């Protein structure tokens, strides 16, 4: 969920890693059905061929293509292209193994640079020129804000990686990730469980910071713990000053929580280490983008059990389910364009693609905007193999289908589980509203 400003521009939704497959099988896995990619547990260990992504192994689909589209931010300091590129890798695998009833998927990816006019034009390009019948893999700082009414008017039910508030508060957007607000909630929630006396929450200075900050603020207020809210321009030019400011504000029994893409979080954490500040607070935390072996390896053993990262998706390092093995196999064979490799961003793309494929396979008759989007809306309790819970679209006025997460921590260059699947606190009023609406409260 690569990658990234936690599914929020400079704060994205992110890279993930590590953990115990038995934990997933024992109580954190979902209960829905996902065919060949459903989570199974370590008992199902064995070789997985990429041919398992399709219904006719080794048979290339040659029918009329099914056009799909996605819009992703790609600009200095913030790129979500790994998500769409991983979705495309999954679709390529499906196309090489029977397609959808013999039809290949043709995936159109539009990139944007946080320009509302450009984002709106990208949507029209996909609909009016590329004639897509489904929208999947959208991961943009502002796309949900700009285009949600457009999708609603045309009857598209988007499967995305959410960032902007409208990704989670409107009827035609459902994300596989928690996005920057709820992932930051998870990081703050873990810090509060460790009885810190103060929270310092620092994030990229990009559109939506107030919306994101409201979640951690609600959790801290409910716990009667003071919180300091900071923002930084990205790319960060003076990481030393940022780290010093954070540590001074937090104090020795406080926590510093970061909401940045992995490269930006890394420069802050490395600056803290260079200045000997890593032990000057009780703990450091981070939203999902930090959950990547890239960051764990770059930091090294000094950060073992000092940094605690929200993980919106099942940590892949030690998870040995059919879904996780298929994800890694597809990434290795078809994911050359996925620069971040194994991690949350590529996991998000995988999950979005398998949800779309699952929906397409249920369509009877022609693949139209109406038939494809009705199938998407009908997806219920689907086991992606990547989440703590089954994924449901549903007929709701808002969607936060992923609201249970892990916490991971670096250990000798890998991310390992510090805490298993934990519901995001309904102290955040948006989480409470979704659970009431969806009947999962």
Protein backbone atom coordinates (compact mmCIF):
# COMPACT_ATOMS: atom_id res chain seq x y z
CA UNK A 1 0.00 0.00 0.00
CA UNK A 2 3.51 0.64 -1.38
CA UNK A 3 4.85 3.74 -1.97
CA UNK A 4 4.44 6.17 -0.48
CA UNK A 5 2.67 8.59 1.60
CA UNK A 6 0.21 6.45 3.38
CA UNK A 7 -2.47 6.23 0.97
CA UNK A 8 -2.26 9.89 1.42
CA UNK A 9 0.05 11.70 -0.75
CA UNK A 10 2.90 12.47 1.38
CA UNK A 11 1.48 10.20 3.80
CA UNK A 12 0.41 7.19 2.01
CA UNK A 13 -0.99 3.88 2.44
CA UNK A 14 1.73 1.61 2.25
CA UNK A 15 4.49 -0.87 2.40
CA UNK A 16 4.15 -3.86 4.54
CA UNK A 17 5.97 -6.78 5.86
CA UNK A 18 6.56 -9.57 8.28
CA UNK A 19 4.94 -12.03 10.64
CA UNK A 20 3.47 -15.29 11.58
CA UNK A 21 1.31 -17.14 9.11
CA UNK A 22 -0.26 -19.16 11.88
CA UNK A 23 -1.52 -15.95 13.43
CA UNK A 24 -3.48 -15.22 10.29
CA UNK A 25 -4.83 -18.73 10.03
CA UNK A 26 -5.66 -18.87 13.72
CA UNK A 27 -7.92 -15.90 14.02
CA UNK A 28 -6.93 -12.96 11.89
CA UNK A 29 -7.86 -14.40 8.52
CA UNK A 30 -11.20 -13.67 6.97
CA UNK A 31 -13.90 -16.22 6.45
CA UNK A 32 -15.07 -15.46 2.94
CA UNK A 33 -14.23 -17.42 -0.16
CA UNK A 34 -11.68 -16.36 -2.72
CA UNK A 35 -11.17 -19.44 -4.80
CA UNK A 36 -7.56 -20.11 -5.67
CA UNK A 37 -6.29 -17.11 -3.70
CA UNK A 38 -8.05 -17.58 -0.41
CA UNK A 39 -5.95 -17.61 2.75
CA UNK A 40 -5.21 -21.02 4.02
CA UNK A 41 -2.50 -21.20 6.66
CA UNK A 42 0.88 -22.81 6.87
CA UNK A 43 -0.58 -26.27 6.56
CA UNK A 44 -1.18 -25.48 2.90
CA UNK A 45 2.46 -24.69 2.26
CA UNK A 46 3.77 -25.78 -1.09
CA UNK A 47 4.75 -24.53 -4.48
CA UNK A 48 2.37 -22.06 -6.08
CA UNK A 49 2.39 -21.48 -9.81
CA UNK A 50 1.27 -18.21 -11.33
CA UNK A 51 -1.04 -20.32 -13.49
CA UNK A 52 -3.29 -20.56 -10.45
CA UNK A 53 -4.43 -16.97 -11.03
CA UNK A 54 -6.56 -18.19 -13.95
CA UNK A 55 -9.10 -20.84 -14.78
CA UNK A 56 -7.20 -22.23 -17.82
CA UNK A 57 -3.52 -22.56 -16.93
CA UNK A 58 -1.21 -21.66 -19.80
CA UNK A 59 -4.02 -20.65 -22.16
CA UNK A 60 -3.82 -17.05 -23.33
CA UNK A 61 -7.12 -15.18 -23.47
CA UNK A 62 -7.88 -13.96 -26.99
CA UNK A 63 -11.46 -12.69 -26.76
CA UNK A 64 -12.69 -9.12 -26.77
CA UNK A 65 -10.79 -7.23 -24.03
CA UNK A 66 -12.53 -6.04 -20.87
CA UNK A 67 -11.32 -2.45 -20.39
CA UNK A 68 -10.57 -1.27 -16.84
CA UNK A 69 -8.88 1.88 -15.61
CA UNK A 70 -7.10 3.46 -12.65
CA UNK A 71 -5.73 6.87 -11.64
CA UNK A 72 -2.62 7.24 -9.47
CA UNK A 73 -0.51 10.09 -8.13
CA UNK A 74 3.05 10.15 -9.47
CA UNK A 75 5.07 13.23 -8.51
CA UNK A 76 8.26 14.15 -6.60
CA UNK A 77 7.97 12.91 -3.01
CA UNK A 78 4.80 10.90 -3.66
CA UNK A 79 4.29 8.01 -6.05
CA UNK A 80 1.61 5.34 -5.90
CA UNK A 81 2.42 3.72 -9.23
CA UNK A 82 3.45 0.46 -7.54
CA UNK A 83 -0.19 -0.15 -6.64
CA UNK A 84 -1.53 0.13 -10.17
CA UNK A 85 1.49 -1.67 -11.62
CA UNK A 86 0.90 -4.62 -9.28
CA UNK A 87 -2.77 -4.73 -10.25
CA UNK A 88 -1.65 -4.79 -13.87
CA UNK A 89 0.75 -7.65 -13.08
CA UNK A 90 -2.16 -9.64 -11.64
CA UNK A 91 -4.32 -8.91 -14.69
CA UNK A 92 -1.48 -9.99 -16.98
CA UNK A 93 -1.26 -13.26 -15.08
CA UNK A 94 -5.00 -13.79 -15.46
CA UNK A 95 -4.82 -12.98 -19.18
CA UNK A 96 -2.08 -15.60 -19.65
CA UNK A 97 -4.15 -18.23 -17.91
CA UNK A 98 -7.58 -18.13 -19.50
CA UNK A 99 -8.63 -14.55 -18.81
CA UNK A 100 -12.22 -13.93 -17.78
CA UNK A 101 -14.18 -16.55 -19.70
CA UNK A 102 -11.62 -16.17 -22.49
CA UNK A 103 -11.60 -12.36 -22.38
CA UNK A 104 -8.35 -10.58 -21.48
CA UNK A 105 -8.38 -7.56 -19.20
CA UNK A 106 -6.98 -4.35 -20.68
CA UNK A 107 -5.90 -1.99 -17.91
CA UNK A 108 -5.45 1.72 -18.58
CA UNK A 109 -3.37 3.60 -15.98
CA UNK A 110 -3.51 7.40 -15.77
CA UNK A 111 -1.01 9.31 -13.62
CA UNK A 112 -1.57 12.75 -12.12
CA UNK A 113 0.29 15.43 -10.15
CA UNK A 114 -2.33 16.66 -7.66
CA UNK A 115 -3.95 18.98 -10.18
CA UNK A 116 -7.76 18.87 -9.93
CA UNK A 117 -8.29 19.68 -13.61
CA UNK A 118 -5.88 16.95 -14.62
CA UNK A 119 -7.52 14.43 -12.26
CA UNK A 120 -10.96 15.21 -13.69
CA UNK A 121 -9.62 14.95 -17.25
CA UNK A 122 -8.07 11.56 -16.44
CA UNK A 123 -11.46 10.22 -15.38
CA UNK A 124 -13.10 11.47 -18.57
CA UNK A 125 -10.27 9.98 -20.63
CA UNK A 126 -10.89 6.57 -19.08
CA UNK A 127 -14.66 6.74 -19.59
CA UNK A 128 -15.07 8.59 -22.87
CA UNK A 129 -11.96 7.50 -24.79
CA UNK A 130 -10.87 4.20 -23.26
CA UNK A 131 -14.50 3.13 -22.59
CA UNK A 132 -13.64 1.35 -19.35
CA UNK A 133 -16.34 -0.66 -17.60
CA UNK A 134 -14.68 -0.66 -14.19
CA UNK A 135 -12.36 1.53 -12.10
CA UNK A 136 -9.82 -0.23 -9.90
CA UNK A 137 -6.51 0.67 -8.27
CA UNK A 138 -7.14 4.41 -7.92
CA UNK A 139 -4.59 5.80 -5.47
CA UNK A 140 -4.38 9.56 -5.49
CA UNK A 141 -4.10 12.37 -2.96
CA UNK A 142 -7.17 14.15 -4.34
CA UNK A 143 -8.87 11.82 -6.85
CA UNK A 144 -11.73 10.80 -4.56
CA UNK A 145 -12.42 14.45 -3.72
CA UNK A 146 -12.42 15.52 -7.35
CA UNK A 147 -14.17 12.61 -9.06
CA UNK A 148 -16.50 10.92 -6.58
CA UNK A 149 -19.61 12.71 -7.92
CA UNK A 150 -18.62 11.79 -11.48
CA UNK A 151 -18.38 8.10 -10.60
CA UNK A 152 -21.66 8.24 -8.70
CA UNK A 153 -23.49 9.85 -11.60
CA UNK A 154 -22.19 7.23 -14.05
CA UNK A 155 -22.77 4.23 -11.78
CA UNK A 156 -19.14 3.22 -11.20
CA UNK A 157 -18.33 1.54 -7.90
CA UNK A 158 -14.62 2.18 -7.49
CA UNK A 159 -12.21 -0.24 -5.76
CA UNK A 160 -9.29 1.85 -4.60
CA UNK A 161 -6.51 2.59 -2.14
CA UNK A 162 -7.98 5.47 -0.21
CA UNK A 163 -6.33 8.73 0.76
CA UNK A 164 -8.79 11.63 0.61
CA UNK A 165 -11.79 11.73 3.00
CA UNK A 166 -14.24 11.01 0.18
CA UNK A 167 -12.61 7.63 -0.41
CA UNK A 168 -14.17 6.53 2.88
CA UNK A 169 -17.24 8.75 3.25
CA UNK A 170 -19.05 8.36 -0.09
CA UNK A 171 -21.19 5.51 -1.48
CA UNK A 172 -19.20 4.63 -4.63
CA UNK A 173 -15.69 4.21 -3.23
CA UNK A 174 -14.42 1.22 -1.23
CA UNK A 175 -10.75 0.86 -0.37
CA UNK A 176 -8.63 -2.16 0.47
CA UNK A 177 -6.49 -0.06 2.80
CA UNK A 178 -7.28 2.10 5.81
CA UNK A 179 -5.75 5.21 4.36
CA UNK A 180 -3.64 7.73 6.23
CA UNK A 181 -6.20 8.66 8.88
CA UNK A 182 -7.14 5.21 10.10
CA UNK A 183 -3.61 3.85 9.71
CA UNK A 184 -2.36 6.77 11.80
CA UNK A 185 -5.12 5.93 14.28
CA UNK A 186 -3.66 2.43 14.51
CA UNK A 187 -0.15 3.72 15.17
CA UNK A 188 -1.38 6.16 17.83
CA UNK A 189 -3.61 3.48 19.35
CA UNK A 190 -0.60 1.18 19.81
CA UNK A 191 1.45 3.99 21.39
CA UNK A 192 -1.35 4.77 23.82
CA UNK A 193 -1.53 1.08 24.78
CA UNK A 194 2.10 1.41 25.87
CA UNK A 195 1.13 4.20 28.29
CA UNK A 196 3.02 7.06 26.71
CA UNK A 197 2.52 10.45 28.32
CA UNK A 198 2.41 12.49 25.11
CA UNK A 199 1.93 12.03 21.36
CA UNK A 200 3.74 13.99 18.67
CA UNK A 201 2.08 13.36 15.31
CA UNK A 202 4.01 14.55 12.27
CA UNK A 203 2.88 14.23 8.64
CA UNK A 204 3.47 15.58 5.16
CA UNK A 205 2.11 19.01 4.40
CA UNK A 206 -0.23 17.95 1.60
CA UNK A 207 -3.97 18.33 1.04
CA UNK A 208 -6.03 16.64 3.75
CA UNK A 209 -3.79 17.03 6.79
CA UNK A 210 -6.64 18.30 8.96
CA UNK A 211 -8.83 15.31 8.10
CA UNK A 212 -6.00 12.91 8.91
CA UNK A 213 -5.03 14.65 12.13
CA UNK A 214 -8.59 14.47 13.46
CA UNK A 215 -8.38 10.71 14.02
CA UNK A 216 -5.23 10.68 16.19
CA UNK A 217 -6.53 13.78 18.00
CA UNK A 218 -9.76 11.97 18.93
CA UNK A 219 -7.87 8.93 20.25
CA UNK A 220 -5.46 11.04 22.29
CA UNK A 221 -8.28 13.13 23.74
CA UNK A 222 -10.22 10.04 24.81
CA UNK A 223 -7.09 8.75 26.58
CA UNK A 224 -6.47 12.18 28.17
CA UNK A 225 -3.02 12.28 26.60
CA UNK A 226 -1.78 15.57 25.07
CA UNK A 227 -0.98 15.55 21.36
CA UNK A 228 1.19 17.90 19.29
CA UNK A 229 0.33 18.12 15.58
CA UNK A 230 3.16 18.88 13.10
CA UNK A 231 3.46 19.00 9.31
CA UNK A 232 6.54 18.98 7.07
CA UNK A 233 7.04 20.03 3.48
CA UNK A 234 8.21 17.14 1.30
CA UNK A 235 10.71 16.20 0.07
CA UNK A 236 12.23 16.94 3.49
CA UNK A 237 15.28 19.19 3.21
CA UNK A 238 16.46 19.33 6.85
CA UNK A 239 15.71 16.01 8.53
CA UNK A 240 17.96 16.81 11.50
CA UNK A 241 15.80 19.77 12.52
CA UNK A 242 12.64 17.71 12.06
CA UNK A 243 13.91 14.89 14.28
CA UNK A 244 15.13 17.28 16.98
CA UNK A 245 11.79 19.13 17.02
CA UNK A 246 9.82 15.87 17.29
CA UNK A 247 11.93 14.47 20.13
CA UNK A 248 11.93 17.72 22.08
CA UNK A 249 8.16 17.98 21.79
CA UNK A 250 7.57 14.36 22.82
CA UNK A 251 9.82 14.13 25.86
CA UNK A 252 11.36 10.96 27.34
CA UNK A 253 8.03 9.21 28.02
CA UNK A 254 6.37 10.37 24.81
CA UNK A 255 5.87 8.87 21.35
CA UNK A 256 6.68 10.27 17.92
CA UNK A 257 4.24 9.06 15.24
CA UNK A 258 5.12 9.63 11.58
CA UNK A 259 2.80 9.65 8.58
CA UNK A 260 5.06 9.79 5.51
CA UNK A 261 6.05 7.69 2.54
CA UNK A 262 8.93 5.29 3.29
CA UNK A 263 11.71 7.48 1.79
CA UNK A 264 10.60 10.55 3.77
CA UNK A 265 10.09 8.62 7.02
CA UNK A 266 13.48 7.03 6.53
CA UNK A 267 15.35 10.32 6.31
CA UNK A 268 13.75 11.43 9.61
CA UNK A 269 14.55 8.16 11.37
CA UNK A 270 18.10 8.07 10.04
CA UNK A 271 18.62 11.66 11.17
CA UNK A 272 17.37 10.69 14.64
CA UNK A 273 19.82 7.78 14.71
CA UNK A 274 22.72 9.93 13.51
CA UNK A 275 22.00 12.41 16.29
CA UNK A 276 21.56 9.66 18.90
CA UNK A 277 17.88 10.51 19.43
CA UNK A 278 16.30 7.11 18.86
CA UNK A 279 16.28 6.37 22.62
CA UNK A 280 15.22 9.85 23.71
CA UNK A 281 11.51 8.99 23.51
CA UNK A 282 9.57 5.97 24.76
CA UNK A 283 8.76 4.81 21.24
CA UNK A 284 8.51 5.81 17.61
CA UNK A 285 5.53 4.89 15.48
CA UNK A 286 4.51 5.13 11.86
CA UNK A 287 1.52 4.64 9.61
CA UNK A 288 1.48 1.79 7.11
CA UNK A 289 3.92 3.12 4.48
CA UNK A 290 6.81 2.45 6.88
CA UNK A 291 5.91 -1.23 6.92
CA UNK A 292 8.47 -2.38 4.42
CA UNK A 293 11.68 -4.38 4.61
CA UNK A 294 13.31 -1.61 2.60
CA UNK A 295 12.98 0.65 5.62
CA UNK A 296 13.81 -2.07 8.17
CA UNK A 297 17.02 -2.97 6.33
CA UNK A 298 18.05 0.65 5.90
CA UNK A 299 17.58 1.38 9.61
CA UNK A 300 19.41 -1.69 10.90
CA UNK A 301 19.30 -3.39 14.33
CA UNK A 302 19.44 -0.18 16.37
CA UNK A 303 15.72 0.20 15.70
CA UNK A 304 14.74 -3.30 16.80
CA UNK A 305 11.64 -2.92 19.00
CA UNK A 306 11.91 0.88 18.97
CA UNK A 307 9.72 1.62 15.93
CA UNK A 308 6.13 0.32 15.80
CA UNK A 309 4.35 0.47 12.47
CA UNK A 310 0.70 0.11 11.61
CA UNK A 311 0.21 -2.71 9.10
CA UNK A 312 -3.07 -2.51 7.20
CA UNK A 313 -2.42 -5.75 5.35
CA UNK A 314 -1.19 -9.20 6.32
CA UNK A 315 2.59 -9.08 6.90
CA UNK A 316 4.13 -11.15 4.09
CA UNK A 317 7.57 -12.11 5.38
CA UNK A 318 6.55 -15.22 7.31
CA UNK A 319 2.98 -15.68 6.10
CA UNK A 320 2.84 -18.84 4.03
CA UNK A 321 -0.71 -19.05 2.71
CA UNK A 322 -1.73 -19.81 -0.89
CA UNK A 323 -2.71 -16.17 -1.36
CA UNK A 324 0.63 -14.87 -0.12
CA UNK A 325 2.59 -17.35 -2.22
CA UNK A 326 0.58 -16.44 -5.31
CA UNK A 327 1.15 -12.73 -4.64
CA UNK A 328 4.91 -13.27 -4.42
CA UNK A 329 4.94 -15.49 -7.50
CA UNK A 330 3.03 -12.95 -9.60
CA UNK A 331 5.25 -10.15 -8.33
CA UNK A 332 8.36 -12.11 -9.29
CA UNK A 333 7.14 -13.10 -12.76
CA UNK A 334 5.05 -10.12 -13.88
CA UNK A 335 5.88 -7.29 -11.49
CA UNK A 336 9.06 -5.86 -12.97
CA UNK A 337 7.47 -2.39 -12.94
CA UNK A 338 6.78 -2.62 -9.19
CA UNK A 339 9.85 -0.79 -7.90
CA UNK A 340 9.10 -1.27 -4.19
CA UNK A 341 8.83 -5.05 -4.39
CA UNK A 342 7.15 -6.89 -1.53
CA UNK A 343 5.24 -4.48 0.65
CA UNK A 344 1.90 -2.84 1.35
CA UNK A 345 1.64 -0.97 -1.94
CA UNK A 346 2.03 -4.08 -4.06
CA UNK A 347 -0.23 -6.00 -1.69
CA UNK A 348 -2.90 -3.35 -2.19
CA UNK A 349 -2.64 -3.69 -5.96
CA UNK A 350 -2.87 -7.47 -5.69
CA UNK A 351 -5.95 -7.30 -3.43
CA UNK A 352 -7.71 -4.77 -5.65
CA UNK A 353 -7.06 -6.84 -8.74
CA UNK A 354 -8.28 -10.08 -7.19
CA UNK A 355 -11.46 -8.36 -5.97
CA UNK A 356 -12.08 -7.11 -9.50
CA UNK A 357 -11.39 -10.54 -11.03
CA UNK A 358 -13.66 -12.17 -8.48
CA UNK A 359 -16.45 -9.75 -9.43
CA UNK A 360 -15.89 -10.16 -13.20
CA UNK A 361 -16.16 -13.92 -12.92
CA UNK A 362 -19.64 -13.54 -11.44
CA UNK A 363 -20.96 -11.49 -14.36
CA UNK A 364 -23.47 -13.25 -16.58
CA UNK A 365 -23.65 -11.96 -20.13
CA UNK A 366 -21.92 -8.88 -21.50
CA UNK A 367 -19.29 -6.93 -19.54
CA UNK A 368 -20.84 -3.49 -19.30
CA UNK A 369 -20.59 -0.62 -16.84
CA UNK A 370 -23.88 -1.77 -15.35
CA UNK A 371 -23.07 -5.48 -15.07
CA UNK A 372 -19.49 -5.07 -13.84
CA UNK A 373 -20.32 -2.48 -11.21
CA UNK A 374 -23.33 -4.40 -9.96
CA UNK A 375 -20.98 -7.35 -9.46
CA UNK A 376 -18.49 -5.18 -7.56
CA UNK A 377 -21.16 -3.75 -5.30
CA UNK A 378 -22.31 -7.30 -4.52
CA UNK A 379 -18.88 -8.47 -3.25
CA UNK A 380 -19.35 -9.58 0.36
CA UNK A 381 -16.96 -10.99 2.95
CA UNK A 382 -14.41 -11.78 0.26
CA UNK A 383 -11.21 -13.35 1.54
CA UNK A 384 -8.38 -11.53 -0.21
CA UNK A 385 -5.75 -13.33 1.85
CA UNK A 386 -4.30 -9.88 2.54
CA UNK A 387 -6.55 -8.49 5.26
CA UNK A 388 -7.49 -9.34 8.84
CA UNK A 389 -11.16 -9.48 7.82
CA UNK A 390 -13.35 -10.31 4.86
CA UNK A 391 -13.79 -7.44 2.38
CA UNK A 392 -17.30 -6.19 1.63
CA UNK A 393 -18.50 -3.47 -0.74
CA UNK A 394 -22.19 -3.31 0.06
CA UNK A 395 -24.90 -0.73 -0.34
CA UNK A 396 -23.69 1.74 2.28
CA UNK A 397 -23.41 5.54 2.27
CA UNK A 398 -19.76 5.21 3.33
CA UNK A 399 -17.10 2.49 3.18
CA UNK A 400 -14.24 1.57 5.51
CA UNK A 401 -14.15 -2.19 4.81
CA UNK A 402 -10.62 -2.56 6.20
CA UNK A 403 -10.71 -1.46 9.83
CA UNK A 404 -8.74 -4.16 11.67
CA UNK A 405 -4.95 -4.17 11.57
CA UNK A 406 -1.58 -5.42 12.82
CA UNK A 407 1.36 -3.63 14.43
CA UNK A 408 4.84 -4.61 13.23
CA UNK A 409 8.34 -3.68 14.31
CA UNK A 410 11.79 -3.95 12.69
CA UNK A 411 13.92 -6.90 13.70
CA UNK A 412 17.31 -7.35 12.02
CA UNK A 413 16.21 -5.94 8.70
CA UNK A 414 12.69 -7.40 8.56
CA UNK A 415 9.32 -6.37 9.92
CA UNK A 416 7.86 -8.78 12.47
CA UNK A 417 4.55 -8.74 14.30
CA UNK A 418 4.41 -6.85 17.58
CA UNK A 419 0.62 -7.15 17.93
CA UNK A 420 -1.90 -9.21 15.99
CA UNK A 421 -5.18 -8.18 14.37
CA UNK A 422 -6.71 -5.35 16.39
CA UNK A 423 -9.83 -3.32 15.54
CA UNK A 424 -9.18 0.37 14.97
CA UNK A 425 -10.78 2.22 17.86
CA UNK A 426 -14.32 3.46 17.33
CA UNK A 427 -13.30 6.50 19.36
CA UNK A 428 -12.60 7.86 15.88
CA UNK A 429 -16.11 9.05 14.96
CA UNK A 430 -15.70 7.97 11.32
CA UNK A 431 -14.95 4.38 12.35
CA UNK A 432 -17.96 4.43 14.68
CA UNK A 433 -20.21 5.75 11.91
CA UNK A 434 -19.12 3.06 9.45
CA UNK A 435 -19.60 0.22 11.91
CA UNK A 436 -23.08 1.48 12.72
CA UNK A 437 -23.94 1.81 9.02
CA UNK A 438 -22.55 -1.58 8.02
CA UNK A 439 -23.96 -3.40 11.02
CA UNK A 440 -20.50 -4.41 12.31
CA UNK A 441 -20.50 -2.28 15.46
